[in-house]
Amino acid sequence: MSLDDYFEMVKKALALPAELRLVVKPGHPTLNGEVINDTIFVYTDDPEEAKYVIIHECLDLLITRLIQYARSTNDPDKIYEVKEAIVEILARLISPDRLRQYATTNYIISILSKLCRSDLIE
């Protein structure tokens, strides 16, 4: 499957706008990817890493738009509806097998350590 096909699949799974574009441009010195306006840039030339970057940046876009929406409205019900829609999308994407694979104590501790959140580790 090409990266463009993979990107289209992720866009549909996350209910992202059709106008969202993908640009693969390997060689950025510090970033693997980023979102600029309605374009996701992927800077790695490794196909498997590029797939991860696509998912990461699509989720980043989804959450960023929720935050922007929350800041622009004073309607807690609308904010809740948008948040619940995102949670529903993410919940459907997480398989029980994948959850068991990543939900080990050591894995969670390693992620928290990387985030410098030792205050959350008992």
PDB file of N, CA and C in Angstrom:
ATOM      1  N   MET A   1       0.846  -1.177   0.000  1.00  0.00           N
ATOM      2  CA  MET A   1       0.000   0.000   0.000  1.00  0.00           C
ATOM      3  C   MET A   1       0.894   1.244   0.000  1.00  0.00           C
ATOM      4  N   SER A   2       0.598   2.169  -0.883  1.00  0.00           N
ATOM      5  CA  SER A   2       1.384   3.410  -0.951  1.00  0.00           C
ATOM      6  C   SER A   2       1.085   4.287   0.266  1.00  0.00           C
ATOM      7  N   LEU A   3       1.976   5.241   0.514  1.00  0.00           N
ATOM      8  CA  LEU A   3       1.748   6.159   1.628  1.00  0.00           C
ATOM      9  C   LEU A   3       0.506   7.019   1.388  1.00  0.00           C
ATOM     10  N   ASP A   4       0.254   7.370   0.137  1.00  0.00           N
ATOM     11  CA  ASP A   4      -0.952   8.140  -0.173  1.00  0.00           C
ATOM     12  C   ASP A   4      -2.207   7.342   0.148  1.00  0.00           C
ATOM     13  N   ASP A   5      -2.213   6.066  -0.205  1.00  0.00           N
ATOM     14  CA  ASP A   5      -3.360   5.204   0.103  1.00  0.00           C
ATOM     15  C   ASP A   5      -3.508   5.038   1.615  1.00  0.00           C
ATOM     16  N   TYR A   6      -2.386   4.862   2.300  1.00  0.00           N
ATOM     17  CA  TYR A   6      -2.404   4.728   3.753  1.00  0.00           C
ATOM     18  C   TYR A   6      -2.965   5.998   4.396  1.00  0.00           C
ATOM     19  N   PHE A   7      -2.510   7.144   3.912  1.00  0.00           N
ATOM     20  CA  PHE A   7      -2.978   8.433   4.415  1.00  0.00           C
ATOM     21  C   PHE A   7      -4.492   8.570   4.220  1.00  0.00           C
ATOM     22  N   GLU A   8      -4.982   8.194   3.053  1.00  0.00           N
ATOM     23  CA  GLU A   8      -6.425   8.273   2.793  1.00  0.00           C
ATOM     24  C   GLU A   8      -7.201   7.367   3.748  1.00  0.00           C
ATOM     25  N   MET A   9      -6.650   6.192   4.038  1.00  0.00           N
ATOM     26  CA  MET A   9      -7.288   5.265   4.962  1.00  0.00           C
ATOM     27  C   MET A   9      -7.349   5.873   6.373  1.00  0.00           C
ATOM     28  N   VAL A  10      -6.254   6.475   6.817  1.00  0.00           N
ATOM     29  CA  VAL A  10      -6.208   7.097   8.141  1.00  0.00           C
ATOM     30  C   VAL A  10      -7.172   8.277   8.205  1.00  0.00           C
ATOM     31  N   LYS A  11      -7.200   9.081   7.149  1.00  0.00           N
ATOM     32  CA  LYS A  11      -8.128  10.220   7.105  1.00  0.00           C
ATOM     33  C   LYS A  11      -9.570   9.752   7.271  1.00  0.00           C
ATOM     34  N   LYS A  12      -9.927   8.701   6.568  1.00  0.00           N
ATOM     35  CA  LYS A  12     -11.298   8.187   6.669  1.00  0.00           C
ATOM     36  C   LYS A  12     -11.566   7.628   8.057  1.00  0.00           C
ATOM     37  N   ALA A  13     -10.607   6.893   8.609  1.00  0.00           N
ATOM     38  CA  ALA A  13     -10.789   6.291   9.931  1.00  0.00           C
ATOM     39  C   ALA A  13     -10.965   7.350  11.012  1.00  0.00           C
ATOM     40  N   LEU A  14     -10.287   8.478  10.864  1.00  0.00           N
ATOM     41  CA  LEU A  14     -10.349   9.543  11.868  1.00  0.00           C
ATOM     42  C   LEU A  14     -11.360  10.633  11.509  1.00  0.00           C
ATOM     43  N   ALA A  15     -12.075  10.433  10.410  1.00  0.00           N
ATOM     44  CA  ALA A  15     -13.090  11.403   9.954  1.00  0.00           C
ATOM     45  C   ALA A  15     -12.487  12.796   9.774  1.00  0.00           C
ATOM     46  N   LEU A  16     -11.313  12.841   9.154  1.00  0.00           N
ATOM     47  CA  LEU A  16     -10.646  14.117   8.900  1.00  0.00           C
ATOM     48  C   LEU A  16     -11.143  14.697   7.577  1.00  0.00           C
ATOM     49  N   PRO A  17     -11.002  15.993   7.379  1.00  0.00           N
ATOM     50  CA  PRO A  17     -11.525  16.630   6.173  1.00  0.00           C
ATOM     51  C   PRO A  17     -10.858  16.119   4.891  1.00  0.00           C
ATOM     52  N   ALA A  18     -11.644  16.033   3.852  1.00  0.00           N
ATOM     53  CA  ALA A  18     -11.149  15.536   2.561  1.00  0.00           C
ATOM     54  C   ALA A  18     -10.037  16.417   2.003  1.00  0.00           C
ATOM     55  N   GLU A  19     -10.067  17.712   2.328  1.00  0.00           N
ATOM     56  CA  GLU A  19      -9.068  18.632   1.770  1.00  0.00           C
ATOM     57  C   GLU A  19      -7.688  18.495   2.422  1.00  0.00           C
ATOM     58  N   LEU A  20      -7.578  17.721   3.484  1.00  0.00           N
ATOM     59  CA  LEU A  20      -6.288  17.500   4.134  1.00  0.00           C
ATOM     60  C   LEU A  20      -5.346  16.806   3.160  1.00  0.00           C
ATOM     61  N   ARG A  21      -4.132  17.348   3.019  1.00  0.00           N
ATOM     62  CA  ARG A  21      -3.167  16.814   2.052  1.00  0.00           C
ATOM     63  C   ARG A  21      -1.949  16.221   2.752  1.00  0.00           C
ATOM     64  N   LEU A  22      -1.240  15.368   2.022  1.00  0.00           N
ATOM     65  CA  LEU A  22      -0.001  14.765   2.501  1.00  0.00           C
ATOM     66  C   LEU A  22       1.136  15.170   1.584  1.00  0.00           C
ATOM     67  N   VAL A  23       2.243  15.601   2.184  1.00  0.00           N
ATOM     68  CA  VAL A  23       3.462  15.890   1.434  1.00  0.00           C
ATOM     69  C   VAL A  23       4.586  15.124   2.107  1.00  0.00           C
ATOM     70  N   VAL A  24       5.235  14.240   1.355  1.00  0.00           N
ATOM     71  CA  VAL A  24       6.388  13.494   1.865  1.00  0.00           C
ATOM     72  C   VAL A  24       7.634  14.179   1.318  1.00  0.00           C
ATOM     73  N   LYS A  25       8.443  14.664   2.231  1.00  0.00           N
ATOM     74  CA  LYS A  25       9.608  15.478   1.872  1.00  0.00           C
ATOM     75  C   LYS A  25      10.756  15.121   2.809  1.00  0.00           C
ATOM     76  N   PRO A  26      11.400  13.981   2.587  1.00  0.00           N
ATOM     77  CA  PRO A  26      12.464  13.519   3.497  1.00  0.00           C
ATOM     78  C   PRO A  26      13.606  14.524   3.627  1.00  0.00           C
ATOM     79  N   GLY A  27      14.226  14.491   4.823  1.00  0.00           N
ATOM     80  CA  GLY A  27      15.443  15.248   4.997  1.00  0.00           C
ATOM     81  C   GLY A  27      15.400  16.394   5.985  1.00  0.00           C
ATOM     82  N   HIS A  28      14.299  16.592   6.695  1.00  0.00           N
ATOM     83  CA  HIS A  28      14.275  17.669   7.699  1.00  0.00           C
ATOM     84  C   HIS A  28      15.285  17.325   8.788  1.00  0.00           C
ATOM     85  N   PRO A  29      16.090  18.282   9.224  1.00  0.00           N
ATOM     86  CA  PRO A  29      17.154  17.983  10.188  1.00  0.00           C
ATOM     87  C   PRO A  29      16.671  17.608  11.588  1.00  0.00           C
ATOM     88  N   THR A  30      15.473  18.049  11.990  1.00  0.00           N
ATOM     89  CA  THR A  30      15.053  17.798  13.375  1.00  0.00           C
ATOM     90  C   THR A  30      13.669  17.177  13.528  1.00  0.00           C
ATOM     91  N   LEU A  31      12.816  17.284  12.526  1.00  0.00           N
ATOM     92  CA  LEU A  31      11.444  16.793  12.654  1.00  0.00           C
ATOM     93  C   LEU A  31      11.196  15.563  11.787  1.00  0.00           C
ATOM     94  N   ASN A  32      10.320  14.685  12.271  1.00  0.00           N
ATOM     95  CA  ASN A  32       9.846  13.560  11.456  1.00  0.00           C
ATOM     96  C   ASN A  32       8.587  13.937  10.696  1.00  0.00           C
ATOM     97  N   GLY A  33       7.851  14.931  11.229  1.00  0.00           N
ATOM     98  CA  GLY A  33       6.631  15.371  10.575  1.00  0.00           C
ATOM     99  C   GLY A  33       6.059  16.583  11.271  1.00  0.00           C
ATOM    100  N   GLU A  34       5.100  17.223  10.608  1.00  0.00           N
ATOM    101  CA  GLU A  34       4.404  18.359  11.189  1.00  0.00           C
ATOM    102  C   GLU A  34       3.156  18.649  10.385  1.00  0.00           C
ATOM    103  N   VAL A  35       2.257  19.413  11.002  1.00  0.00           N
ATOM    104  CA  VAL A  35       1.044  19.862  10.333  1.00  0.00           C
ATOM    105  C   VAL A  35       1.161  21.357  10.123  1.00  0.00           C
ATOM    106  N   ILE A  36       0.979  21.782   8.881  1.00  0.00           N
ATOM    107  CA  ILE A  36       0.948  23.205   8.567  1.00  0.00           C
ATOM    108  C   ILE A  36      -0.333  23.443   7.770  1.00  0.00           C
ATOM    109  N   ASN A  37      -1.222  24.218   8.369  1.00  0.00           N
ATOM    110  CA  ASN A  37      -2.540  24.484   7.788  1.00  0.00           C
ATOM    111  C   ASN A  37      -3.261  23.173   7.501  1.00  0.00           C
ATOM    112  N   ASP A  38      -3.590  22.902   6.241  1.00  0.00           N
ATOM    113  CA  ASP A  38      -4.302  21.673   5.888  1.00  0.00           C
ATOM    114  C   ASP A  38      -3.391  20.660   5.213  1.00  0.00           C
ATOM    115  N   THR A  39      -2.113  20.680   5.583  1.00  0.00           N
ATOM    116  CA  THR A  39      -1.145  19.764   4.986  1.00  0.00           C
ATOM    117  C   THR A  39      -0.330  19.077   6.067  1.00  0.00           C
ATOM    118  N   ILE A  40      -0.208  17.770   5.928  1.00  0.00           N
ATOM    119  CA  ILE A  40       0.654  16.992   6.816  1.00  0.00           C
ATOM    120  C   ILE A  40       1.945  16.720   6.057  1.00  0.00           C
ATOM    121  N   PHE A  41       3.053  17.147   6.658  1.00  0.00           N
ATOM    122  CA  PHE A  41       4.365  16.927   6.077  1.00  0.00           C
ATOM    123  C   PHE A  41       5.026  15.764   6.796  1.00  0.00           C
ATOM    124  N   VAL A  42       5.577  14.835   6.022  1.00  0.00           N
ATOM    125  CA  VAL A  42       6.320  13.697   6.558  1.00  0.00           C
ATOM    126  C   VAL A  42       7.744  13.845   6.047  1.00  0.00           C
ATOM    127  N   TYR A  43       8.704  13.846   6.981  1.00  0.00           N
ATOM    128  CA  TYR A  43      10.090  14.120   6.628  1.00  0.00           C
ATOM    129  C   TYR A  43      11.000  12.897   6.673  1.00  0.00           C
ATOM    130  N   THR A  44      10.451  11.721   6.859  1.00  0.00           N
ATOM    131  CA  THR A  44      11.275  10.514   6.888  1.00  0.00           C
ATOM    132  C   THR A  44      11.118   9.762   5.576  1.00  0.00           C
ATOM    133  N   ASP A  45      12.152   9.048   5.198  1.00  0.00           N
ATOM    134  CA  ASP A  45      12.041   8.243   3.978  1.00  0.00           C
ATOM    135  C   ASP A  45      11.827   6.763   4.282  1.00  0.00           C
ATOM    136  N   ASP A  46      11.758   6.402   5.558  1.00  0.00           N
ATOM    137  CA  ASP A  46      11.474   5.024   5.955  1.00  0.00           C
ATOM    138  C   ASP A  46       9.957   4.819   5.907  1.00  0.00           C
ATOM    139  N   PRO A  47       9.464   3.884   5.087  1.00  0.00           N
ATOM    140  CA  PRO A  47       8.014   3.709   4.915  1.00  0.00           C
ATOM    141  C   PRO A  47       7.266   3.375   6.204  1.00  0.00           C
ATOM    142  N   GLU A  48       7.822   2.529   7.053  1.00  0.00           N
ATOM    143  CA  GLU A  48       7.145   2.176   8.302  1.00  0.00           C
ATOM    144  C   GLU A  48       7.113   3.355   9.263  1.00  0.00           C
ATOM    145  N   GLU A  49       8.208   4.075   9.356  1.00  0.00           N
ATOM    146  CA  GLU A  49       8.248   5.270  10.198  1.00  0.00           C
ATOM    147  C   GLU A  49       7.278   6.315   9.644  1.00  0.00           C
ATOM    148  N   ALA A  50       7.202   6.436   8.336  1.00  0.00           N
ATOM    149  CA  ALA A  50       6.291   7.397   7.707  1.00  0.00           C
ATOM    150  C   ALA A  50       4.839   7.091   8.070  1.00  0.00           C
ATOM    151  N   LYS A  51       4.476   5.816   8.134  1.00  0.00           N
ATOM    152  CA  LYS A  51       3.107   5.443   8.524  1.00  0.00           C
ATOM    153  C   LYS A  51       2.821   5.877   9.955  1.00  0.00           C
ATOM    154  N   TYR A  52       3.787   5.668  10.834  1.00  0.00           N
ATOM    155  CA  TYR A  52       3.620   6.120  12.223  1.00  0.00           C
ATOM    156  C   TYR A  52       3.471   7.641  12.271  1.00  0.00           C
ATOM    157  N   VAL A  53       4.310   8.349  11.513  1.00  0.00           N
ATOM    158  CA  VAL A  53       4.261   9.814  11.496  1.00  0.00           C
ATOM    159  C   VAL A  53       2.906  10.290  10.981  1.00  0.00           C
ATOM    160  N   ILE A  54       2.373   9.628   9.973  1.00  0.00           N
ATOM    161  CA  ILE A  54       1.053   9.997   9.443  1.00  0.00           C
ATOM    162  C   ILE A  54      -0.001   9.892  10.546  1.00  0.00           C
ATOM    163  N   ILE A  55      -0.012   8.771  11.257  1.00  0.00           N
ATOM    164  CA  ILE A  55      -0.981   8.599  12.343  1.00  0.00           C
ATOM    165  C   ILE A  55      -0.765   9.665  13.415  1.00  0.00           C
ATOM    166  N   HIS A  56       0.477   9.856  13.817  1.00  0.00           N
ATOM    167  CA  HIS A  56       0.806  10.835  14.861  1.00  0.00           C
ATOM    168  C   HIS A  56       0.310  12.224  14.472  1.00  0.00           C
ATOM    169  N   GLU A  57       0.633  12.653  13.274  1.00  0.00           N
ATOM    170  CA  GLU A  57       0.270  14.009  12.849  1.00  0.00           C
ATOM    171  C   GLU A  57      -1.240  14.156  12.648  1.00  0.00           C
ATOM    172  N   CYS A  58      -1.905  13.110  12.193  1.00  0.00           N
ATOM    173  CA  CYS A  58      -3.367  13.164  12.059  1.00  0.00           C
ATOM    174  C   CYS A  58      -4.028  13.297  13.432  1.00  0.00           C
ATOM    175  N   LEU A  59      -3.541  12.548  14.413  1.00  0.00           N
ATOM    176  CA  LEU A  59      -4.074  12.668  15.772  1.00  0.00           C
ATOM    177  C   LEU A  59      -3.759  14.038  16.359  1.00  0.00           C
ATOM    178  N   ASP A  60      -2.568  14.536  16.084  1.00  0.00           N
ATOM    179  CA  ASP A  60      -2.179  15.872  16.527  1.00  0.00           C
ATOM    180  C   ASP A  60      -3.165  16.902  15.971  1.00  0.00           C
ATOM    181  N   LEU A  61      -3.471  16.786  14.693  1.00  0.00           N
ATOM    182  CA  LEU A  61      -4.407  17.705  14.057  1.00  0.00           C
ATOM    183  C   LEU A  61      -5.789  17.623  14.697  1.00  0.00           C
ATOM    184  N   LEU A  62      -6.250  16.423  14.930  1.00  0.00           N
ATOM    185  CA  LEU A  62      -7.562  16.206  15.538  1.00  0.00           C
ATOM    186  C   LEU A  62      -7.650  16.877  16.911  1.00  0.00           C
ATOM    187  N   ILE A  63      -6.656  16.656  17.737  1.00  0.00           N
ATOM    188  CA  ILE A  63      -6.650  17.206  19.094  1.00  0.00           C
ATOM    189  C   ILE A  63      -6.454  18.726  19.067  1.00  0.00           C
ATOM    190  N   THR A  64      -5.585  19.201  18.193  1.00  0.00           N
ATOM    191  CA  THR A  64      -5.354  20.646  18.077  1.00  0.00           C
ATOM    192  C   THR A  64      -6.630  21.361  17.662  1.00  0.00           C
ATOM    193  N   ARG A  65      -7.361  20.778  16.726  1.00  0.00           N
ATOM    194  CA  ARG A  65      -8.623  21.410  16.296  1.00  0.00           C
ATOM    195  C   ARG A  65      -9.659  21.402  17.415  1.00  0.00           C
ATOM    196  N   LEU A  66      -9.663  20.371  18.228  1.00  0.00           N
ATOM    197  CA  LEU A  66     -10.576  20.345  19.374  1.00  0.00           C
ATOM    198  C   LEU A  66     -10.229  21.478  20.337  1.00  0.00           C
ATOM    199  N   ILE A  67      -8.944  21.660  20.603  1.00  0.00           N
ATOM    200  CA  ILE A  67      -8.511  22.731  21.502  1.00  0.00           C
ATOM    201  C   ILE A  67      -8.889  24.092  20.926  1.00  0.00           C
ATOM    202  N   GLN A  68      -8.649  24.280  19.621  1.00  0.00           N
ATOM    203  CA  GLN A  68      -9.002  25.553  18.986  1.00  0.00           C
ATOM    204  C   GLN A  68     -10.508  25.801  19.067  1.00  0.00           C
ATOM    205  N   TYR A  69     -11.285  24.758  18.841  1.00  0.00           N
ATOM    206  CA  TYR A  69     -12.733  24.888  18.915  1.00  0.00           C
ATOM    207  C   TYR A  69     -13.167  25.242  20.332  1.00  0.00           C
ATOM    208  N   ALA A  70     -12.568  24.580  21.301  1.00  0.00           N
ATOM    209  CA  ALA A  70     -12.917  24.847  22.700  1.00  0.00           C
ATOM    210  C   ALA A  70     -12.605  26.291  23.077  1.00  0.00           C
ATOM    211  N   ARG A  71     -11.527  26.816  22.551  1.00  0.00           N
ATOM    212  CA  ARG A  71     -11.155  28.204  22.850  1.00  0.00           C
ATOM    213  C   ARG A  71     -12.087  29.206  22.167  1.00  0.00           C
ATOM    214  N   SER A  72     -12.681  28.797  21.042  1.00  0.00           N
ATOM    215  CA  SER A  72     -13.491  29.732  20.265  1.00  0.00           C
ATOM    216  C   SER A  72     -14.966  29.734  20.648  1.00  0.00           C
ATOM    217  N   THR A  73     -15.400  28.794  21.468  1.00  0.00           N
ATOM    218  CA  THR A  73     -16.807  28.710  21.825  1.00  0.00           C
ATOM    219  C   THR A  73     -16.976  28.725  23.331  1.00  0.00           C
ATOM    220  N   ASN A  74     -18.110  29.199  23.744  1.00  0.00           N
ATOM    221  CA  ASN A  74     -18.432  29.171  25.172  1.00  0.00           C
ATOM    222  C   ASN A  74     -19.510  28.140  25.464  1.00  0.00           C
ATOM    223  N   ASP A  75     -19.718  27.232  24.535  1.00  0.00           N
ATOM    224  CA  ASP A  75     -20.793  26.249  24.671  1.00  0.00           C
ATOM    225  C   ASP A  75     -20.217  24.915  25.149  1.00  0.00           C
ATOM    226  N   PRO A  76     -20.304  24.629  26.451  1.00  0.00           N
ATOM    227  CA  PRO A  76     -19.738  23.388  26.975  1.00  0.00           C
ATOM    228  C   PRO A  76     -20.356  22.134  26.349  1.00  0.00           C
ATOM    229  N   ASP A  77     -21.622  22.208  25.955  1.00  0.00           N
ATOM    230  CA  ASP A  77     -22.264  21.047  25.327  1.00  0.00           C
ATOM    231  C   ASP A  77     -21.636  20.729  23.977  1.00  0.00           C
ATOM    232  N   LYS A  78     -21.339  21.764  23.191  1.00  0.00           N
ATOM    233  CA  LYS A  78     -20.708  21.558  21.880  1.00  0.00           C
ATOM    234  C   LYS A  78     -19.291  21.013  22.049  1.00  0.00           C
ATOM    235  N   ILE A  79     -18.550  21.569  23.007  1.00  0.00           N
ATOM    236  CA  ILE A  79     -17.191  21.083  23.274  1.00  0.00           C
ATOM    237  C   ILE A  79     -17.243  19.608  23.666  1.00  0.00           C
ATOM    238  N   TYR A  80     -18.176  19.267  24.522  1.00  0.00           N
ATOM    239  CA  TYR A  80     -18.336  17.879  24.959  1.00  0.00           C
ATOM    240  C   TYR A  80     -18.657  16.970  23.773  1.00  0.00           C
ATOM    241  N   GLU A  81     -19.537  17.401  22.888  1.00  0.00           N
ATOM    242  CA  GLU A  81     -19.894  16.601  21.711  1.00  0.00           C
ATOM    243  C   GLU A  81     -18.678  16.333  20.829  1.00  0.00           C
ATOM    244  N   VAL A  82     -17.870  17.362  20.585  1.00  0.00           N
ATOM    245  CA  VAL A  82     -16.676  17.200  19.750  1.00  0.00           C
ATOM    246  C   VAL A  82     -15.673  16.277  20.438  1.00  0.00           C
ATOM    247  N   LYS A  83     -15.465  16.477  21.728  1.00  0.00           N
ATOM    248  CA  LYS A  83     -14.537  15.618  22.474  1.00  0.00           C
ATOM    249  C   LYS A  83     -14.988  14.162  22.425  1.00  0.00           C
ATOM    250  N   GLU A  84     -16.279  13.938  22.634  1.00  0.00           N
ATOM    251  CA  GLU A  84     -16.814  12.572  22.605  1.00  0.00           C
ATOM    252  C   GLU A  84     -16.668  11.946  21.223  1.00  0.00           C
ATOM    253  N   ALA A  85     -16.827  12.729  20.184  1.00  0.00           N
ATOM    254  CA  ALA A  85     -16.653  12.208  18.821  1.00  0.00           C
ATOM    255  C   ALA A  85     -15.201  11.744  18.621  1.00  0.00           C
ATOM    256  N   ILE A  86     -14.250  12.516  19.123  1.00  0.00           N
ATOM    257  CA  ILE A  86     -12.838  12.136  19.003  1.00  0.00           C
ATOM    258  C   ILE A  86     -12.552  10.893  19.833  1.00  0.00           C
ATOM    259  N   VAL A  87     -13.058  10.845  21.039  1.00  0.00           N
ATOM    260  CA  VAL A  87     -12.858   9.672  21.893  1.00  0.00           C
ATOM    261  C   VAL A  87     -13.449   8.426  21.224  1.00  0.00           C
ATOM    262  N   GLU A  88     -14.623   8.554  20.641  1.00  0.00           N
ATOM    263  CA  GLU A  88     -15.264   7.420  19.959  1.00  0.00           C
ATOM    264  C   GLU A  88     -14.411   6.917  18.788  1.00  0.00           C
ATOM    265  N   ILE A  89     -13.870   7.833  18.009  1.00  0.00           N
ATOM    266  CA  ILE A  89     -12.996   7.462  16.891  1.00  0.00           C
ATOM    267  C   ILE A  89     -11.778   6.702  17.411  1.00  0.00           C
ATOM    268  N   LEU A  90     -11.130   7.231  18.441  1.00  0.00           N
ATOM    269  CA  LEU A  90      -9.926   6.597  18.979  1.00  0.00           C
ATOM    270  C   LEU A  90     -10.243   5.245  19.615  1.00  0.00           C
ATOM    271  N   ALA A  91     -11.351   5.154  20.323  1.00  0.00           N
ATOM    272  CA  ALA A  91     -11.726   3.902  20.973  1.00  0.00           C
ATOM    273  C   ALA A  91     -11.952   2.798  19.943  1.00  0.00           C
ATOM    274  N   ARG A  92     -12.526   3.128  18.811  1.00  0.00           N
ATOM    275  CA  ARG A  92     -12.759   2.124  17.764  1.00  0.00           C
ATOM    276  C   ARG A  92     -11.460   1.651  17.115  1.00  0.00           C
ATOM    277  N   LEU A  93     -10.439   2.498  17.169  1.00  0.00           N
ATOM    278  CA  LEU A  93      -9.168   2.150  16.523  1.00  0.00           C
ATOM    279  C   LEU A  93      -8.259   1.291  17.392  1.00  0.00           C
ATOM    280  N   ILE A  94      -8.518   1.256  18.680  1.00  0.00           N
ATOM    281  CA  ILE A  94      -7.642   0.500  19.581  1.00  0.00           C
ATOM    282  C   ILE A  94      -8.203  -0.909  19.742  1.00  0.00           C
ATOM    283  N   SER A  95      -7.470  -1.870  19.212  1.00  0.00           N
ATOM    284  CA  SER A  95      -7.920  -3.255  19.316  1.00  0.00           C
ATOM    285  C   SER A  95      -7.550  -3.819  20.687  1.00  0.00           C
ATOM    286  N   PRO A  96      -8.327  -4.796  21.183  1.00  0.00           N
ATOM    287  CA  PRO A  96      -7.991  -5.416  22.473  1.00  0.00           C
ATOM    288  C   PRO A  96      -6.588  -6.027  22.483  1.00  0.00           C
ATOM    289  N   ASP A  97      -6.170  -6.641  21.374  1.00  0.00           N
ATOM    290  CA  ASP A  97      -4.829  -7.230  21.322  1.00  0.00           C
ATOM    291  C   ASP A  97      -3.747  -6.166  21.446  1.00  0.00           C
ATOM    292  N   ARG A  98      -3.917  -5.060  20.738  1.00  0.00           N
ATOM    293  CA  ARG A  98      -2.937  -3.984  20.795  1.00  0.00           C
ATOM    294  C   ARG A  98      -2.905  -3.363  22.191  1.00  0.00           C
ATOM    295  N   LEU A  99      -4.067  -3.243  22.783  1.00  0.00           N
ATOM    296  CA  LEU A  99      -4.147  -2.694  24.127  1.00  0.00           C
ATOM    297  C   LEU A  99      -3.389  -3.569  25.122  1.00  0.00           C
ATOM    298  N   ARG A 100      -3.588  -4.879  25.041  1.00  0.00           N
ATOM    299  CA  ARG A 100      -2.855  -5.796  25.937  1.00  0.00           C
ATOM    300  C   ARG A 100      -1.350  -5.697  25.705  1.00  0.00           C
ATOM    301  N   GLN A 101      -0.959  -5.523  24.455  1.00  0.00           N
ATOM    302  CA  GLN A 101       0.461  -5.446  24.114  1.00  0.00           C
ATOM    303  C   GLN A 101       1.118  -4.228  24.761  1.00  0.00           C
ATOM    304  N   TYR A 102       0.436  -3.105  24.762  1.00  0.00           N
ATOM    305  CA  TYR A 102       1.033  -1.867  25.242  1.00  0.00           C
ATOM    306  C   TYR A 102       0.676  -1.500  26.676  1.00  0.00           C
ATOM    307  N   ALA A 103      -0.272  -2.179  27.266  1.00  0.00           N
ATOM    308  CA  ALA A 103      -0.753  -1.781  28.593  1.00  0.00           C
ATOM    309  C   ALA A 103       0.004  -2.453  29.728  1.00  0.00           C
ATOM    310  N   THR A 104       1.238  -2.783  29.515  1.00  0.00           N
ATOM    311  CA  THR A 104       2.032  -3.352  30.592  1.00  0.00           C
ATOM    312  C   THR A 104       2.582  -2.225  31.462  1.00  0.00           C
ATOM    313  N   THR A 105       2.832  -2.529  32.692  1.00  0.00           N
ATOM    314  CA  THR A 105       3.348  -1.530  33.618  1.00  0.00           C
ATOM    315  C   THR A 105       4.664  -0.944  33.116  1.00  0.00           C
ATOM    316  N   ASN A 106       5.569  -1.794  32.649  1.00  0.00           N
ATOM    317  CA  ASN A 106       6.875  -1.302  32.192  1.00  0.00           C
ATOM    318  C   ASN A 106       6.730  -0.352  31.015  1.00  0.00           C
ATOM    319  N   TYR A 107       5.828  -0.656  30.098  1.00  0.00           N
ATOM    320  CA  TYR A 107       5.626   0.211  28.943  1.00  0.00           C
ATOM    321  C   TYR A 107       5.102   1.573  29.387  1.00  0.00           C
ATOM    322  N   ILE A 108       4.118   1.573  30.262  1.00  0.00           N
ATOM    323  CA  ILE A 108       3.531   2.832  30.743  1.00  0.00           C
ATOM    324  C   ILE A 108       4.575   3.654  31.489  1.00  0.00           C
ATOM    325  N   ILE A 109       5.371   3.011  32.337  1.00  0.00           N
ATOM    326  CA  ILE A 109       6.425   3.717  33.071  1.00  0.00           C
ATOM    327  C   ILE A 109       7.444   4.313  32.107  1.00  0.00           C
ATOM    328  N   SER A 110       7.808   3.575  31.065  1.00  0.00           N
ATOM    329  CA  SER A 110       8.792   4.094  30.118  1.00  0.00           C
ATOM    330  C   SER A 110       8.258   5.332  29.389  1.00  0.00           C
ATOM    331  N   ILE A 111       6.979   5.321  29.041  1.00  0.00           N
ATOM    332  CA  ILE A 111       6.385   6.483  28.372  1.00  0.00           C
ATOM    333  C   ILE A 111       6.361   7.683  29.318  1.00  0.00           C
ATOM    334  N   LEU A 112       5.935   7.479  30.543  1.00  0.00           N
ATOM    335  CA  LEU A 112       5.900   8.573  31.512  1.00  0.00           C
ATOM    336  C   LEU A 112       7.302   9.108  31.795  1.00  0.00           C
ATOM    337  N   SER A 113       8.274   8.227  31.846  1.00  0.00           N
ATOM    338  CA  SER A 113       9.651   8.660  32.077  1.00  0.00           C
ATOM    339  C   SER A 113      10.142   9.531  30.926  1.00  0.00           C
ATOM    340  N   LYS A 114       9.812   9.121  29.694  1.00  0.00           N
ATOM    341  CA  LYS A 114      10.218   9.906  28.520  1.00  0.00           C
ATOM    342  C   LYS A 114       9.581  11.285  28.537  1.00  0.00           C
ATOM    343  N   LEU A 115       8.391  11.366  29.102  1.00  0.00           N
ATOM    344  CA  LEU A 115       7.687  12.647  29.171  1.00  0.00           C
ATOM    345  C   LEU A 115       8.112  13.461  30.388  1.00  0.00           C
ATOM    346  N   CYS A 116       9.092  12.937  31.132  1.00  0.00           N
ATOM    347  CA  CYS A 116       9.579  13.600  32.339  1.00  0.00           C
ATOM    348  C   CYS A 116       8.460  13.787  33.366  1.00  0.00           C
ATOM    349  N   ARG A 117       7.598  12.781  33.470  1.00  0.00           N
ATOM    350  CA  ARG A 117       6.488  12.857  34.418  1.00  0.00           C
ATOM    351  C   ARG A 117       6.672  11.814  35.498  1.00  0.00           C
ATOM    352  N   SER A 118       7.802  11.847  36.161  1.00  0.00           N
ATOM    353  CA  SER A 118       8.047  10.888  37.240  1.00  0.00           C
ATOM    354  C   SER A 118       7.082  11.075  38.389  1.00  0.00           C
ATOM    355  N   ASP A 119       6.424  12.244  38.455  1.00  0.00           N
ATOM    356  CA  ASP A 119       5.444  12.468  39.520  1.00  0.00           C
ATOM    357  C   ASP A 119       4.226  11.561  39.350  1.00  0.00           C
ATOM    358  N   LEU A 120       4.034  10.981  38.154  1.00  0.00           N
ATOM    359  CA  LEU A 120       2.916  10.089  37.921  1.00  0.00           C
ATOM    360  C   LEU A 120       3.264   8.624  38.110  1.00  0.00           C
ATOM    361  N   ILE A 121       4.532   8.369  38.434  1.00  0.00           N
ATOM    362  CA  ILE A 121       4.992   6.992  38.636  1.00  0.00           C
ATOM    363  C   ILE A 121       5.054   6.717  40.132  1.00  0.00           C
ATOM    364  N   GLU A 122       4.362   5.678  40.558  1.00  0.00           N
ATOM    365  CA  GLU A 122       4.361   5.358  41.981  1.00  0.00           C
ATOM    366  C   GLU A 122       5.661   4.699  42.391  1.00  0.00           C
TER     367      GLU A 122
END
